[in-house]
PDB file of N, CA and C in Angstrom:
ATOM      1  N   MET A   1      -6.879   2.954 -17.708  1.00  0.00           N
ATOM      2  CA  MET A   1      -5.919   3.996 -17.958  1.00  0.00           C
ATOM      3  C   MET A   1      -5.999   5.084 -16.894  1.00  0.00           C
ATOM      4  N   ALA A   2      -7.225   5.406 -16.498  1.00  0.00           N
ATOM      5  CA  ALA A   2      -7.399   6.458 -15.486  1.00  0.00           C
ATOM      6  C   ALA A   2      -6.826   6.000 -14.143  1.00  0.00           C
ATOM      7  N   LEU A   3      -6.956   4.729 -13.817  1.00  0.00           N
ATOM      8  CA  LEU A   3      -6.400   4.218 -12.567  1.00  0.00           C
ATOM      9  C   LEU A   3      -4.867   4.282 -12.570  1.00  0.00           C
ATOM     10  N   MET A   4      -4.274   4.056 -13.732  1.00  0.00           N
ATOM     11  CA  MET A   4      -2.820   4.136 -13.842  1.00  0.00           C
ATOM     12  C   MET A   4      -2.357   5.570 -13.622  1.00  0.00           C
ATOM     13  N   VAL A   5      -3.063   6.529 -14.219  1.00  0.00           N
ATOM     14  CA  VAL A   5      -2.714   7.937 -14.044  1.00  0.00           C
ATOM     15  C   VAL A   5      -2.886   8.342 -12.579  1.00  0.00           C
ATOM     16  N   LEU A   6      -3.959   7.869 -11.971  1.00  0.00           N
ATOM     17  CA  LEU A   6      -4.193   8.174 -10.547  1.00  0.00           C
ATOM     18  C   LEU A   6      -3.089   7.581  -9.673  1.00  0.00           C
ATOM     19  N   ALA A   7      -2.705   6.352  -9.959  1.00  0.00           N
ATOM     20  CA  ALA A   7      -1.645   5.706  -9.176  1.00  0.00           C
ATOM     21  C   ALA A   7      -0.311   6.412  -9.356  1.00  0.00           C
ATOM     22  N   MET A   8       0.008   6.814 -10.560  1.00  0.00           N
ATOM     23  CA  MET A   8       1.269   7.507 -10.804  1.00  0.00           C
ATOM     24  C   MET A   8       1.271   8.926 -10.248  1.00  0.00           C
ATOM     25  N   THR A   9       0.124   9.431  -9.873  1.00  0.00           N
ATOM     26  CA  THR A   9       0.038  10.711  -9.188  1.00  0.00           C
ATOM     27  C   THR A   9       0.146  10.528  -7.683  1.00  0.00           C
ATOM     28  N   ILE A  10      -0.480   9.496  -7.166  1.00  0.00           N
ATOM     29  CA  ILE A  10      -0.526   9.278  -5.714  1.00  0.00           C
ATOM     30  C   ILE A  10       0.797   8.745  -5.190  1.00  0.00           C
ATOM     31  N   LEU A  11       1.408   7.799  -5.867  1.00  0.00           N
ATOM     32  CA  LEU A  11       2.638   7.181  -5.355  1.00  0.00           C
ATOM     33  C   LEU A  11       3.783   8.166  -5.138  1.00  0.00           C
ATOM     34  N   PRO A  12       4.110   8.995  -6.109  1.00  0.00           N
ATOM     35  CA  PRO A  12       5.186   9.971  -5.841  1.00  0.00           C
ATOM     36  C   PRO A  12       4.817  10.983  -4.755  1.00  0.00           C
ATOM     37  N   SER A  13       3.539  11.342  -4.660  1.00  0.00           N
ATOM     38  CA  SER A  13       3.159  12.301  -3.628  1.00  0.00           C
ATOM     39  C   SER A  13       3.268  11.697  -2.233  1.00  0.00           C
ATOM     40  N   THR A  14       3.002  10.401  -2.091  1.00  0.00           N
ATOM     41  CA  THR A  14       3.157   9.763  -0.773  1.00  0.00           C
ATOM     42  C   THR A  14       4.648   9.668  -0.410  1.00  0.00           C
ATOM     43  N   ASP A  15       5.486   9.397  -1.393  1.00  0.00           N
ATOM     44  CA  ASP A  15       6.928   9.361  -1.126  1.00  0.00           C
ATOM     45  C   ASP A  15       7.455  10.744  -0.733  1.00  0.00           C
ATOM     46  N   ALA A  16       6.982  11.776  -1.425  1.00  0.00           N
ATOM     47  CA  ALA A  16       7.423  13.126  -1.117  1.00  0.00           C
ATOM     48  C   ALA A  16       6.948  13.542   0.270  1.00  0.00           C
ATOM     49  N   SER A  17       5.718  13.200   0.612  1.00  0.00           N
ATOM     50  CA  SER A  17       5.222  13.558   1.952  1.00  0.00           C
ATOM     51  C   SER A  17       5.982  12.794   3.025  1.00  0.00           C
ATOM     52  N   ALA A  18       6.360  11.553   2.763  1.00  0.00           N
ATOM     53  CA  ALA A  18       7.143  10.790   3.736  1.00  0.00           C
ATOM     54  C   ALA A  18       8.516  11.411   3.951  1.00  0.00           C
ATOM     55  N   LYS A  19       9.119  11.897   2.886  1.00  0.00           N
ATOM     56  CA  LYS A  19      10.432  12.547   3.030  1.00  0.00           C
ATOM     57  C   LYS A  19      10.317  13.867   3.786  1.00  0.00           C
ATOM     58  N   LEU A  20       9.232  14.590   3.560  1.00  0.00           N
ATOM     59  CA  LEU A  20       9.033  15.853   4.275  1.00  0.00           C
ATOM     60  C   LEU A  20       8.759  15.621   5.761  1.00  0.00           C
ATOM     61  N   LEU A  21       8.002  14.570   6.066  1.00  0.00           N
ATOM     62  CA  LEU A  21       7.644  14.285   7.458  1.00  0.00           C
ATOM     63  C   LEU A  21       8.738  13.549   8.227  1.00  0.00           C
ATOM     64  N   ALA A  22       9.737  13.046   7.529  1.00  0.00           N
ATOM     65  CA  ALA A  22      10.788  12.268   8.193  1.00  0.00           C
ATOM     66  C   ALA A  22      11.565  13.088   9.203  1.00  0.00           C
ATOM     67  N   GLY A  23      11.620  14.386   9.032  1.00  0.00           N
ATOM     68  CA  GLY A  23      12.331  15.218   9.972  1.00  0.00           C
ATOM     69  C   GLY A  23      11.583  15.447  11.270  1.00  0.00           C
ATOM     70  N   SER A  24      10.258  15.309  11.239  1.00  0.00           N
ATOM     71  CA  SER A  24       9.484  15.618  12.434  1.00  0.00           C
ATOM     72  C   SER A  24       8.806  14.404  13.070  1.00  0.00           C
ATOM     73  N   MET A  25       8.841  13.251  12.411  1.00  0.00           N
ATOM     74  CA  MET A  25       8.202  12.044  12.938  1.00  0.00           C
ATOM     75  C   MET A  25       9.217  10.914  12.991  1.00  0.00           C
ATOM     76  N   SER A  26       8.970   9.966  13.878  1.00  0.00           N
ATOM     77  CA  SER A  26       9.840   8.792  13.915  1.00  0.00           C
ATOM     78  C   SER A  26       9.472   7.876  12.744  1.00  0.00           C
ATOM     79  N   SER A  27      10.371   6.988  12.417  1.00  0.00           N
ATOM     80  CA  SER A  27      10.119   6.089  11.270  1.00  0.00           C
ATOM     81  C   SER A  27       8.963   5.147  11.530  1.00  0.00           C
ATOM     82  N   SER A  28       8.769   4.713  12.780  1.00  0.00           N
ATOM     83  CA  SER A  28       7.644   3.825  13.073  1.00  0.00           C
ATOM     84  C   SER A  28       6.308   4.559  12.924  1.00  0.00           C
ATOM     85  N   GLN A  29       6.231   5.815  13.353  1.00  0.00           N
ATOM     86  CA  GLN A  29       5.008   6.596  13.179  1.00  0.00           C
ATOM     87  C   GLN A  29       4.730   6.840  11.698  1.00  0.00           C
ATOM     88  N   LEU A  30       5.760   7.098  10.968  1.00  0.00           N
ATOM     89  CA  LEU A  30       5.619   7.363   9.530  1.00  0.00           C
ATOM     90  C   LEU A  30       5.151   6.111   8.797  1.00  0.00           C
ATOM     91  N   THR A  31       5.737   4.985   9.129  1.00  0.00           N
ATOM     92  CA  THR A  31       5.338   3.731   8.518  1.00  0.00           C
ATOM     93  C   THR A  31       3.891   3.373   8.865  1.00  0.00           C
ATOM     94  N   TRP A  32       3.532   3.547  10.140  1.00  0.00           N
ATOM     95  CA  TRP A  32       2.178   3.248  10.564  1.00  0.00           C
ATOM     96  C   TRP A  32       1.173   4.141   9.857  1.00  0.00           C
ATOM     97  N   SER A  33       1.492   5.413   9.718  1.00  0.00           N
ATOM     98  CA  SER A  33       0.547   6.341   9.070  1.00  0.00           C
ATOM     99  C   SER A  33       0.396   6.016   7.591  1.00  0.00           C
ATOM    100  N   ARG A  34       1.471   5.583   6.944  1.00  0.00           N
ATOM    101  CA  ARG A  34       1.364   5.207   5.528  1.00  0.00           C
ATOM    102  C   ARG A  34       0.506   3.971   5.344  1.00  0.00           C
ATOM    103  N   PHE A  35       0.716   2.950   6.185  1.00  0.00           N
ATOM    104  CA  PHE A  35      -0.094   1.741   6.076  1.00  0.00           C
ATOM    105  C   PHE A  35      -1.557   2.016   6.432  1.00  0.00           C
ATOM    106  N   PHE A  36      -1.799   2.856   7.424  1.00  0.00           N
ATOM    107  CA  PHE A  36      -3.156   3.187   7.812  1.00  0.00           C
ATOM    108  C   PHE A  36      -3.887   3.926   6.688  1.00  0.00           C
ATOM    109  N   SER A  37      -3.222   4.901   6.083  1.00  0.00           N
ATOM    110  CA  SER A  37      -3.875   5.649   5.000  1.00  0.00           C
ATOM    111  C   SER A  37      -4.109   4.762   3.780  1.00  0.00           C
ATOM    112  N   GLN A  38      -3.197   3.837   3.500  1.00  0.00           N
ATOM    113  CA  GLN A  38      -3.427   2.913   2.385  1.00  0.00           C
ATOM    114  C   GLN A  38      -4.594   1.971   2.676  1.00  0.00           C
ATOM    115  N   SER A  39      -4.732   1.567   3.927  1.00  0.00           N
ATOM    116  CA  SER A  39      -5.839   0.694   4.311  1.00  0.00           C
ATOM    117  C   SER A  39      -7.171   1.419   4.176  1.00  0.00           C
ATOM    118  N   ILE A  40      -7.213   2.681   4.586  1.00  0.00           N
ATOM    119  CA  ILE A  40      -8.445   3.470   4.450  1.00  0.00           C
ATOM    120  C   ILE A  40      -8.783   3.647   2.967  1.00  0.00           C
ATOM    121  N   PHE A  41      -7.786   3.856   2.151  1.00  0.00           N
ATOM    122  CA  PHE A  41      -8.014   4.033   0.711  1.00  0.00           C
ATOM    123  C   PHE A  41      -8.514   2.740   0.062  1.00  0.00           C
ATOM    124  N   MET A  42      -7.995   1.583   0.491  1.00  0.00           N
ATOM    125  CA  MET A  42      -8.357   0.308  -0.121  1.00  0.00           C
ATOM    126  C   MET A  42      -9.649  -0.286   0.425  1.00  0.00           C
ATOM    127  N   PHE A  43     -10.131   0.174   1.571  1.00  0.00           N
ATOM    128  CA  PHE A  43     -11.312  -0.407   2.194  1.00  0.00           C
ATOM    129  C   PHE A  43     -12.548  -0.377   1.288  1.00  0.00           C
ATOM    130  N   PRO A  44     -12.875   0.741   0.620  1.00  0.00           N
ATOM    131  CA  PRO A  44     -14.032   0.715  -0.284  1.00  0.00           C
ATOM    132  C   PRO A  44     -13.876  -0.271  -1.437  1.00  0.00           C
ATOM    133  N   LEU A  45     -12.657  -0.434  -1.928  1.00  0.00           N
ATOM    134  CA  LEU A  45     -12.436  -1.414  -3.006  1.00  0.00           C
ATOM    135  C   LEU A  45     -12.637  -2.844  -2.514  1.00  0.00           C
ATOM    136  N   ALA A  46     -12.256  -3.093  -1.272  1.00  0.00           N
ATOM    137  CA  ALA A  46     -12.434  -4.437  -0.715  1.00  0.00           C
ATOM    138  C   ALA A  46     -13.913  -4.758  -0.540  1.00  0.00           C
ATOM    139  N   LEU A  47     -14.707  -3.780  -0.218  1.00  0.00           N
ATOM    140  CA  LEU A  47     -16.145  -4.005  -0.102  1.00  0.00           C
ATOM    141  C   LEU A  47     -16.804  -4.191  -1.458  1.00  0.00           C
ATOM    142  N   ARG A  48     -16.250  -3.527  -2.462  1.00  0.00           N
ATOM    143  CA  ARG A  48     -16.836  -3.593  -3.799  1.00  0.00           C
ATOM    144  C   ARG A  48     -16.519  -4.904  -4.515  1.00  0.00           C
ATOM    145  N   ALA A  49     -15.325  -5.401  -4.350  1.00  0.00           N
ATOM    146  CA  ALA A  49     -14.904  -6.627  -5.037  1.00  0.00           C
ATOM    147  C   ALA A  49     -14.227  -7.560  -4.046  1.00  0.00           C
ATOM    148  N   PRO A  50     -14.982  -8.211  -3.173  1.00  0.00           N
ATOM    149  CA  PRO A  50     -14.351  -8.995  -2.096  1.00  0.00           C
ATOM    150  C   PRO A  50     -13.606 -10.215  -2.582  1.00  0.00           C
ATOM    151  N   MET A  51     -13.945 -10.764  -3.726  1.00  0.00           N
ATOM    152  CA  MET A  51     -13.274 -11.984  -4.183  1.00  0.00           C
ATOM    153  C   MET A  51     -12.033 -11.693  -5.034  1.00  0.00           C
ATOM    154  N   LEU A  52     -11.859 -10.477  -5.485  1.00  0.00           N
ATOM    155  CA  LEU A  52     -10.711 -10.182  -6.336  1.00  0.00           C
ATOM    156  C   LEU A  52      -9.450  -9.864  -5.547  1.00  0.00           C
ATOM    157  N   LEU A  53      -9.575  -9.258  -4.369  1.00  0.00           N
ATOM    158  CA  LEU A  53      -8.409  -8.823  -3.621  1.00  0.00           C
ATOM    159  C   LEU A  53      -7.615  -9.955  -2.990  1.00  0.00           C
ATOM    160  N   PRO A  54      -8.210 -11.031  -2.470  1.00  0.00           N
ATOM    161  CA  PRO A  54      -7.393 -12.088  -1.851  1.00  0.00           C
ATOM    162  C   PRO A  54      -6.592 -12.911  -2.868  1.00  0.00           C
ATOM    163  N   ALA A  55      -7.007 -12.931  -4.127  1.00  0.00           N
ATOM    164  CA  ALA A  55      -6.359 -13.792  -5.113  1.00  0.00           C
ATOM    165  C   ALA A  55      -4.855 -13.538  -5.256  1.00  0.00           C
ATOM    166  N   PRO A  56      -4.379 -12.314  -5.416  1.00  0.00           N
ATOM    167  CA  PRO A  56      -2.924 -12.132  -5.530  1.00  0.00           C
ATOM    168  C   PRO A  56      -2.179 -12.567  -4.292  1.00  0.00           C
ATOM    169  N   GLY A  57      -2.758 -12.366  -3.145  1.00  0.00           N
ATOM    170  CA  GLY A  57      -2.108 -12.806  -1.899  1.00  0.00           C
ATOM    171  C   GLY A  57      -2.010 -14.326  -1.811  1.00  0.00           C
ATOM    172  N   LEU A  58      -3.060 -14.994  -2.242  1.00  0.00           N
ATOM    173  CA  LEU A  58      -3.043 -16.453  -2.204  1.00  0.00           C
ATOM    174  C   LEU A  58      -2.064 -17.030  -3.221  1.00  0.00           C
ATOM    175  N   VAL A  59      -1.900 -16.349  -4.334  1.00  0.00           N
ATOM    176  CA  VAL A  59      -0.966 -16.816  -5.356  1.00  0.00           C
ATOM    177  C   VAL A  59       0.476 -16.618  -4.905  1.00  0.00           C
ATOM    178  N   SER A  60       0.751 -15.490  -4.243  1.00  0.00           N
ATOM    179  CA  SER A  60       2.126 -15.207  -3.845  1.00  0.00           C
ATOM    180  C   SER A  60       2.516 -15.811  -2.500  1.00  0.00           C
ATOM    181  N   MET A  61       1.576 -16.371  -1.766  1.00  0.00           N
ATOM    182  CA  MET A  61       1.883 -16.931  -0.448  1.00  0.00           C
ATOM    183  C   MET A  61       2.896 -18.071  -0.522  1.00  0.00           C
ATOM    184  N   PRO A  62       2.798 -19.022  -1.444  1.00  0.00           N
ATOM    185  CA  PRO A  62       3.808 -20.071  -1.492  1.00  0.00           C
ATOM    186  C   PRO A  62       5.221 -19.552  -1.732  1.00  0.00           C
ATOM    187  N   SER A  63       5.353 -18.505  -2.534  1.00  0.00           N
ATOM    188  CA  SER A  63       6.690 -17.972  -2.759  1.00  0.00           C
ATOM    189  C   SER A  63       7.267 -17.343  -1.491  1.00  0.00           C
ATOM    190  N   ALA A  64       6.414 -16.763  -0.666  1.00  0.00           N
ATOM    191  CA  ALA A  64       6.900 -16.192   0.591  1.00  0.00           C
ATOM    192  C   ALA A  64       7.239 -17.286   1.592  1.00  0.00           C
ATOM    193  N   VAL A  65       6.500 -18.381   1.564  1.00  0.00           N
ATOM    194  CA  VAL A  65       6.749 -19.468   2.493  1.00  0.00           C
ATOM    195  C   VAL A  65       8.031 -20.215   2.141  1.00  0.00           C
ATOM    196  N   TYR A  66       8.234 -20.454   0.852  1.00  0.00           N
ATOM    197  CA  TYR A  66       9.370 -21.247   0.410  1.00  0.00           C
ATOM    198  C   TYR A  66      10.590 -20.428  -0.011  1.00  0.00           C
ATOM    199  N   TYR A  67      10.587 -19.131   0.297  1.00  0.00           N
ATOM    200  CA  TYR A  67      11.719 -18.280  -0.060  1.00  0.00           C
ATOM    201  C   TYR A  67      12.928 -18.630   0.797  1.00  0.00           C
ATOM    202  N   ARG A  68      14.039 -18.821   0.142  1.00  0.00           N
ATOM    203  CA  ARG A  68      15.269 -19.159   0.868  1.00  0.00           C
ATOM    204  C   ARG A  68      16.351 -18.185   0.437  1.00  0.00           C
ATOM    205  N   THR A  69      17.134 -17.769   1.406  1.00  0.00           N
ATOM    206  CA  THR A  69      18.211 -16.825   1.084  1.00  0.00           C
ATOM    207  C   THR A  69      19.495 -17.571   0.826  1.00  0.00           C
TER     208      THR A  69
END
């Protein structure tokens, strides 16, 4: 429950900061900074539970490979 509250606090604040920074940064810099900050935030979790994080990616990989428009 606490993780859900934390996520619902962080996600809107990252969107708001992206909208505020959009006037002074290019979209590529903004995208790179968002991905970098998310990577820094997720790094301790990846060290703590190394076998849990790849599972969703491995499950969704076939859908990305076989996706047809």
